[in-house]
Amino acid sequence: MPVLALDKASRDLAGRRVVSDLTLALDRGEVLGLLGVNGAGKSTTLRMMAGVLAPSAGTVRFAGQDLAEHPALARRGIGYLPETPPLHDELSVAEYLAFAARLHAAAQVGAAVDRALERCALGDVRRRLIGALSKGFRQRVGLAQAIVHEPALIVLDEPASGLDPVQALKLRELVRGLGADHAVVLSTHVLPDVLACCDRVAILHEGALRHQGDLAASHDLALRVRLAQAIAMDEWMRFPIVASAAPIGDDTRCWRVRLRKGTTAGALARAIVERGWALEELRGESSALEETFMAIAASDARAIAA
């Protein structure tokens, strides 16, 4: 049984249909990238997935149960990070996470807070007021509140928005780690985030699902990988998922890696992190996903021009 299942889910706002007949499913251990330009309906879709909005038609099921009929399931089993985190500036980080843990009915609040602080690297600021934190730390606090109760489903709306490149890289690593034990939906319009974090992709445009599929690598997909340290080629070949690897230029920190068919960029990223290598960059050199995304995004512009 999938953790999340949408069956022809639609939502009307102000008399207009903003999401139409959306059908998809997600299992534990998967990270789904939800791509779309601004106004595509991503945030509305995520609110339905998180149980914040009920669909106007169709169903959204969590662990087989209709969220509209059983809204308490969302409080216990779903973690949600909206694009603007719901923070309380007057509370310390630890106080806020304890508040969030109680709202989500976490069994052991203290242990839950400590675990979320560790996973989001917030231990050094646990006693600081949220209002005094930088953008990067605030995003991490927002993510911590979404995972503090160990939900089966984590829904993230543009979590890297406004972060600098280093902060965005750390956030990607955290999302990849969460994908090992949870079902994760990551909404973004940044293609490298999807390639680095996700196992599957769904492209939303004008409220409709235009494309979905696995991010399985084939022989025409090359990944550009940059590490903090130099490594030898035989180190790459110890990964069962790697078909070939070649250094880019003379720098043995930067590699062009091809994966075996059926594996994903997200799987490679997790393997690199598990090996203990510091990953600085991972992006696709193939334009297949970009071409698909841009063709879907441009279809409306062509229709208007015609």
Protein backbone atom coordinates (compact mmCIF):
# COMPACT_ATOMS: atom_id res chain seq x y z
CA MET A 1 0.00 0.00 0.00
CA PRO A 2 1.49 3.39 -0.95
CA VAL A 3 2.06 6.00 1.75
CA LEU A 4 0.43 8.66 -0.43
CA ALA A 5 -2.07 8.16 -3.26
CA LEU A 6 -3.92 10.85 -5.20
CA ASP A 7 -6.81 9.71 -7.40
CA LYS A 8 -8.10 12.39 -9.80
CA ALA A 9 -7.59 15.00 -7.08
CA SER A 10 -8.76 18.48 -8.10
CA ARG A 11 -9.02 21.78 -6.27
CA ASP A 12 -11.05 24.90 -7.01
CA LEU A 13 -10.07 28.30 -5.59
CA ALA A 14 -12.14 31.47 -6.08
CA GLY A 15 -14.33 29.69 -8.60
CA ARG A 16 -11.41 28.57 -10.75
CA ARG A 17 -9.95 25.06 -11.04
CA VAL A 18 -6.25 25.38 -10.13
CA VAL A 19 -5.42 21.64 -9.91
CA SER A 20 -7.17 19.14 -12.15
CA ASP A 21 -7.45 15.32 -12.05
CA LEU A 22 -4.08 14.67 -10.42
CA THR A 23 -3.28 10.96 -10.03
CA LEU A 24 -0.01 9.67 -8.56
CA ALA A 25 1.32 7.50 -5.72
CA LEU A 26 4.40 7.48 -3.50
CA ASP A 27 5.97 4.76 -1.34
CA ARG A 28 8.22 4.95 1.69
CA GLY A 29 11.86 5.25 0.65
CA GLU A 30 11.07 7.38 -2.41
CA VAL A 31 11.74 11.06 -3.04
CA LEU A 32 9.39 12.60 -5.60
CA GLY A 33 10.39 15.86 -7.25
CA LEU A 34 7.39 18.02 -8.13
CA LEU A 35 8.50 20.40 -10.87
CA GLY A 36 6.65 23.35 -12.33
CA VAL A 37 6.93 27.03 -13.15
CA ASN A 38 5.43 29.62 -10.80
CA GLY A 39 1.65 29.34 -10.89
CA ALA A 40 1.65 25.72 -12.04
CA GLY A 41 -0.35 24.61 -8.99
CA LYS A 42 2.52 23.09 -6.99
CA SER A 43 1.73 24.76 -3.65
CA THR A 44 -1.97 23.92 -3.88
CA THR A 45 -1.07 20.31 -4.69
CA LEU A 46 1.29 20.13 -1.72
CA ARG A 47 -1.38 21.54 0.60
CA MET A 48 -3.72 18.77 -0.50
CA MET A 49 -0.99 16.18 0.03
CA ALA A 50 -0.34 17.53 3.53
CA GLY A 51 -4.02 17.53 4.47
CA VAL A 52 -4.17 21.32 4.75
CA LEU A 53 -6.65 21.61 1.86
CA ALA A 54 -9.33 19.07 0.98
CA PRO A 55 -9.74 18.31 -2.70
CA SER A 56 -12.82 19.72 -4.41
CA ALA A 57 -13.08 16.43 -6.32
CA GLY A 58 -11.24 13.12 -6.20
CA THR A 59 -9.36 11.74 -3.20
CA VAL A 60 -6.07 12.08 -1.36
CA ARG A 61 -5.25 8.96 0.66
CA PHE A 62 -2.59 8.57 3.33
CA ALA A 63 -1.77 4.95 4.23
CA GLY A 64 -4.99 3.93 2.52
CA GLN A 65 -7.22 6.36 4.44
CA ASP A 66 -9.02 9.35 2.94
CA LEU A 67 -7.44 12.47 4.46
CA ALA A 68 -10.66 14.45 4.06
CA GLU A 69 -12.50 11.89 6.19
CA HIS A 70 -9.66 11.32 8.68
CA PRO A 71 -7.87 14.69 9.08
CA ALA A 72 -6.17 13.62 12.33
CA LEU A 73 -3.96 11.31 10.26
CA ALA A 74 -2.16 14.35 8.86
CA ARG A 75 -1.25 15.63 12.33
CA ARG A 76 0.34 12.34 13.34
CA GLY A 77 1.78 11.02 10.09
CA ILE A 78 2.62 13.93 7.79
CA GLY A 79 5.31 16.61 8.09
CA TYR A 80 4.83 19.78 6.07
CA LEU A 81 7.20 22.64 5.32
CA PRO A 82 5.48 25.45 3.40
CA GLU A 83 7.55 27.87 1.35
CA THR A 84 7.45 30.34 4.26
CA PRO A 85 8.18 28.30 7.42
CA PRO A 86 5.59 28.79 10.21
CA LEU A 87 8.10 29.99 12.80
CA HIS A 88 7.64 31.84 16.10
CA ASP A 89 10.44 34.38 16.40
CA GLU A 90 9.98 34.88 20.14
CA LEU A 91 10.75 31.22 20.94
CA SER A 92 14.11 29.53 21.08
CA VAL A 93 14.78 26.75 18.58
CA ALA A 94 14.34 24.03 21.21
CA GLU A 95 11.16 25.61 22.60
CA TYR A 96 9.62 25.85 19.15
CA LEU A 97 10.47 22.25 18.25
CA ALA A 98 9.00 21.05 21.57
CA PHE A 99 5.83 22.99 20.72
CA ALA A 100 5.72 21.36 17.28
CA ALA A 101 6.32 17.90 18.75
CA ARG A 102 3.37 18.32 21.13
CA LEU A 103 1.14 19.53 18.29
CA HIS A 104 2.01 16.39 16.33
CA ALA A 105 1.44 14.17 19.39
CA ALA A 106 5.04 12.89 19.50
CA ALA A 107 5.38 10.14 22.12
CA GLN A 108 8.54 11.46 23.80
CA VAL A 109 8.87 15.18 23.22
CA GLY A 110 12.39 15.62 24.61
CA ALA A 111 13.85 12.74 22.62
CA ALA A 112 12.02 13.88 19.49
CA VAL A 113 13.44 17.41 19.79
CA ASP A 114 16.99 16.14 20.35
CA ARG A 115 16.73 13.87 17.31
CA ALA A 116 15.44 16.67 15.06
CA LEU A 117 18.15 19.06 16.29
CA GLU A 118 20.83 16.50 15.44
CA ARG A 119 19.47 15.61 12.01
CA CYS A 120 19.16 19.26 10.98
CA ALA A 121 22.51 20.30 12.55
CA LEU A 122 20.85 22.79 14.91
CA GLY A 123 22.52 21.78 18.17
CA ASP A 124 24.70 24.90 18.34
CA VAL A 125 21.68 27.22 18.11
CA ARG A 126 19.14 25.27 20.16
CA ARG A 127 18.93 28.04 22.79
CA ARG A 128 18.93 30.98 20.38
CA LEU A 129 15.77 32.88 19.54
CA ILE A 130 14.44 32.04 16.10
CA GLY A 131 14.08 35.73 15.29
CA ALA A 132 17.86 36.13 15.54
CA LEU A 133 18.71 33.34 13.08
CA SER A 134 19.91 33.64 9.49
CA LYS A 135 17.80 32.55 6.52
CA GLY A 136 19.66 29.25 6.27
CA PHE A 137 19.12 28.37 9.92
CA ARG A 138 15.47 29.40 9.75
CA GLN A 139 14.95 27.03 6.84
CA ARG A 140 16.56 24.24 8.83
CA VAL A 141 14.32 24.98 11.82
CA GLY A 142 11.33 24.82 9.48
CA LEU A 143 12.48 21.44 8.22
CA ALA A 144 13.11 20.23 11.77
CA GLN A 145 9.51 20.97 12.75
CA ALA A 146 8.34 18.96 9.75
CA ILE A 147 10.28 15.84 10.82
CA VAL A 148 10.25 16.16 14.61
CA HIS A 149 7.45 13.55 14.98
CA GLU A 150 9.07 11.07 12.53
CA PRO A 151 6.25 11.24 9.97
CA ALA A 152 5.83 8.64 7.24
CA LEU A 153 5.33 11.41 4.66
CA ILE A 154 7.33 14.66 4.43
CA VAL A 155 6.07 17.42 2.13
CA LEU A 156 8.53 20.22 1.28
CA ASP A 157 7.60 23.37 -0.64
CA GLU A 158 10.67 25.10 -2.17
CA PRO A 159 12.87 24.35 0.88
CA ALA A 160 16.03 25.78 -0.77
CA SER A 161 14.41 29.12 -1.63
CA GLY A 162 16.72 32.00 -0.73
CA LEU A 163 19.62 29.82 0.40
CA ASP A 164 23.19 30.36 -0.70
CA PRO A 165 24.92 27.53 -2.66
CA VAL A 166 26.57 25.99 0.43
CA GLN A 167 23.33 26.03 2.41
CA ALA A 168 21.43 24.57 -0.57
CA LEU A 169 23.97 21.75 -0.88
CA LYS A 170 23.59 20.85 2.81
CA LEU A 171 19.83 20.90 2.46
CA ARG A 172 20.01 18.52 -0.50
CA GLU A 173 22.12 16.12 1.55
CA LEU A 174 19.56 16.23 4.34
CA VAL A 175 16.66 15.59 1.96
CA ARG A 176 18.51 12.64 0.43
CA GLY A 177 19.02 11.21 3.91
CA LEU A 178 15.35 11.61 4.77
CA GLY A 179 14.43 9.73 1.61
CA ALA A 180 15.96 6.55 3.02
CA ASP A 181 13.31 6.16 5.75
CA HIS A 182 10.37 8.34 4.66
CA ALA A 183 8.27 9.15 1.63
CA VAL A 184 9.30 12.67 0.58
CA VAL A 185 7.73 15.14 -1.84
CA LEU A 186 10.04 17.99 -2.87
CA SER A 187 8.46 20.88 -4.77
CA THR A 188 10.89 23.03 -6.74
CA HIS A 189 11.52 24.73 -10.07
CA VAL A 190 15.29 24.06 -9.82
CA LEU A 191 16.31 21.09 -11.98
CA PRO A 192 19.62 20.36 -10.15
CA ASP A 193 17.66 19.91 -6.90
CA VAL A 194 15.59 17.19 -8.55
CA LEU A 195 18.60 15.44 -10.08
CA ALA A 196 20.51 15.52 -6.81
CA CYS A 197 17.72 14.48 -4.44
CA CYS A 198 14.95 12.63 -6.21
CA ASP A 199 14.16 9.14 -7.44
CA ARG A 200 11.14 10.19 -9.49
CA VAL A 201 9.83 13.37 -11.08
CA ALA A 202 6.36 14.75 -11.79
CA ILE A 203 5.94 17.91 -13.89
CA LEU A 204 2.90 20.04 -13.21
CA HIS A 205 1.72 22.76 -15.60
CA GLU A 206 -1.44 24.82 -15.41
CA GLY A 207 -2.70 22.53 -12.66
CA ALA A 208 -2.39 19.34 -14.71
CA LEU A 209 0.15 16.53 -14.49
CA ARG A 210 2.00 16.64 -17.82
CA HIS A 211 4.81 14.15 -17.15
CA GLN A 212 5.93 11.66 -14.51
CA GLY A 213 8.55 8.95 -14.38
CA ASP A 214 11.66 7.55 -12.76
CA LEU A 215 14.93 9.45 -12.95
CA ALA A 216 16.60 6.27 -14.14
CA ALA A 217 19.93 6.83 -15.78
CA SER A 218 20.55 5.48 -19.25
CA HIS A 219 23.71 5.49 -21.32
CA ASP A 220 22.98 8.94 -22.73
CA LEU A 221 22.83 10.45 -19.23
CA ALA A 222 26.09 11.65 -17.74
CA LEU A 223 26.40 13.15 -14.28
CA ARG A 224 28.95 15.79 -13.42
CA VAL A 225 30.23 15.17 -9.89
CA ARG A 226 32.63 17.35 -7.92
CA LEU A 227 34.08 16.21 -4.60
CA ALA A 228 36.04 18.06 -1.96
CA GLN A 229 38.93 15.58 -2.27
CA ALA A 230 40.76 13.92 -5.14
CA ILE A 231 40.06 10.21 -5.69
CA ALA A 232 41.26 7.49 -8.04
CA MET A 233 39.13 5.97 -10.79
CA ASP A 234 39.05 2.53 -9.16
CA GLU A 235 37.26 4.11 -6.18
CA TRP A 236 34.29 4.82 -8.46
CA MET A 237 34.22 1.30 -9.80
CA ARG A 238 33.62 -0.04 -6.30
CA PHE A 239 30.09 1.34 -6.58
CA PRO A 240 27.87 -1.35 -8.15
CA ILE A 241 25.63 1.35 -9.67
CA VAL A 242 28.47 3.05 -11.61
CA ALA A 243 28.97 1.97 -15.22
CA SER A 244 31.94 4.26 -15.95
CA ALA A 245 33.77 7.29 -14.61
CA ALA A 246 36.28 9.65 -16.16
CA PRO A 247 37.99 12.74 -14.73
CA ILE A 248 37.11 16.07 -16.28
CA GLY A 249 40.42 17.58 -17.33
CA ASP A 250 43.30 16.97 -14.93
CA ASP A 251 41.27 17.54 -11.77
CA THR A 252 40.55 14.22 -10.05
CA ARG A 253 38.02 15.94 -7.82
CA CYS A 254 35.71 16.52 -10.80
CA TRP A 255 34.28 13.53 -12.67
CA ARG A 256 31.86 12.59 -15.40
CA VAL A 257 30.01 9.53 -14.11
CA ARG A 258 27.62 7.26 -16.02
CA LEU A 259 25.28 5.01 -14.06
CA ARG A 260 23.97 1.57 -14.81
CA LYS A 261 20.52 1.52 -16.35
CA GLY A 262 17.75 1.63 -13.77
CA THR A 263 19.69 3.61 -11.16
CA THR A 264 19.28 7.28 -10.31
CA ALA A 265 21.27 10.38 -9.51
CA GLY A 266 19.74 10.31 -6.04
CA ALA A 267 21.08 6.79 -5.49
CA LEU A 268 24.57 7.92 -6.49
CA ALA A 269 24.38 10.91 -4.14
CA ARG A 270 23.37 8.68 -1.23
CA ALA A 271 26.19 6.24 -2.02
CA ILE A 272 28.73 9.08 -2.06
CA VAL A 273 27.55 10.42 1.29
CA GLU A 274 27.57 6.91 2.81
CA ARG A 275 31.16 6.46 1.61
CA GLY A 276 32.09 9.59 3.57
CA TRP A 277 33.09 11.72 0.59
CA ALA A 278 32.22 15.41 0.69
CA LEU A 279 29.92 16.08 -2.27
CA GLU A 280 30.17 19.63 -3.61
CA GLU A 281 28.25 19.31 -6.88
CA LEU A 282 26.07 16.78 -8.67
CA ARG A 283 24.20 17.72 -11.81
CA GLY A 284 23.09 16.12 -15.02
CA GLU A 285 24.87 16.91 -18.25
CA SER A 286 22.06 15.34 -20.26
CA SER A 287 19.41 17.84 -21.31
CA ALA A 288 16.60 15.26 -21.48
CA LEU A 289 14.78 16.35 -18.33
CA GLU A 290 15.46 20.01 -19.03
CA GLU A 291 14.14 19.65 -22.57
CA THR A 292 10.98 17.94 -21.31
CA PHE A 293 10.44 20.59 -18.65
CA MET A 294 11.06 23.50 -21.02
CA ALA A 295 8.83 21.99 -23.73
CA ILE A 296 5.95 21.66 -21.27
CA ALA A 297 6.52 25.14 -19.85
CA ALA A 298 6.70 26.67 -23.35
CA SER A 299 3.58 24.94 -24.65
CA ASP A 300 1.28 27.57 -23.16
CA ALA A 301 3.42 30.40 -24.56
CA ARG A 302 3.19 28.87 -28.06
CA ALA A 303 -0.57 28.53 -27.72
CA ILE A 304 -0.92 32.21 -26.76
CA ALA A 305 1.33 33.29 -29.64
CA ALA A 306 -0.76 31.29 -32.10
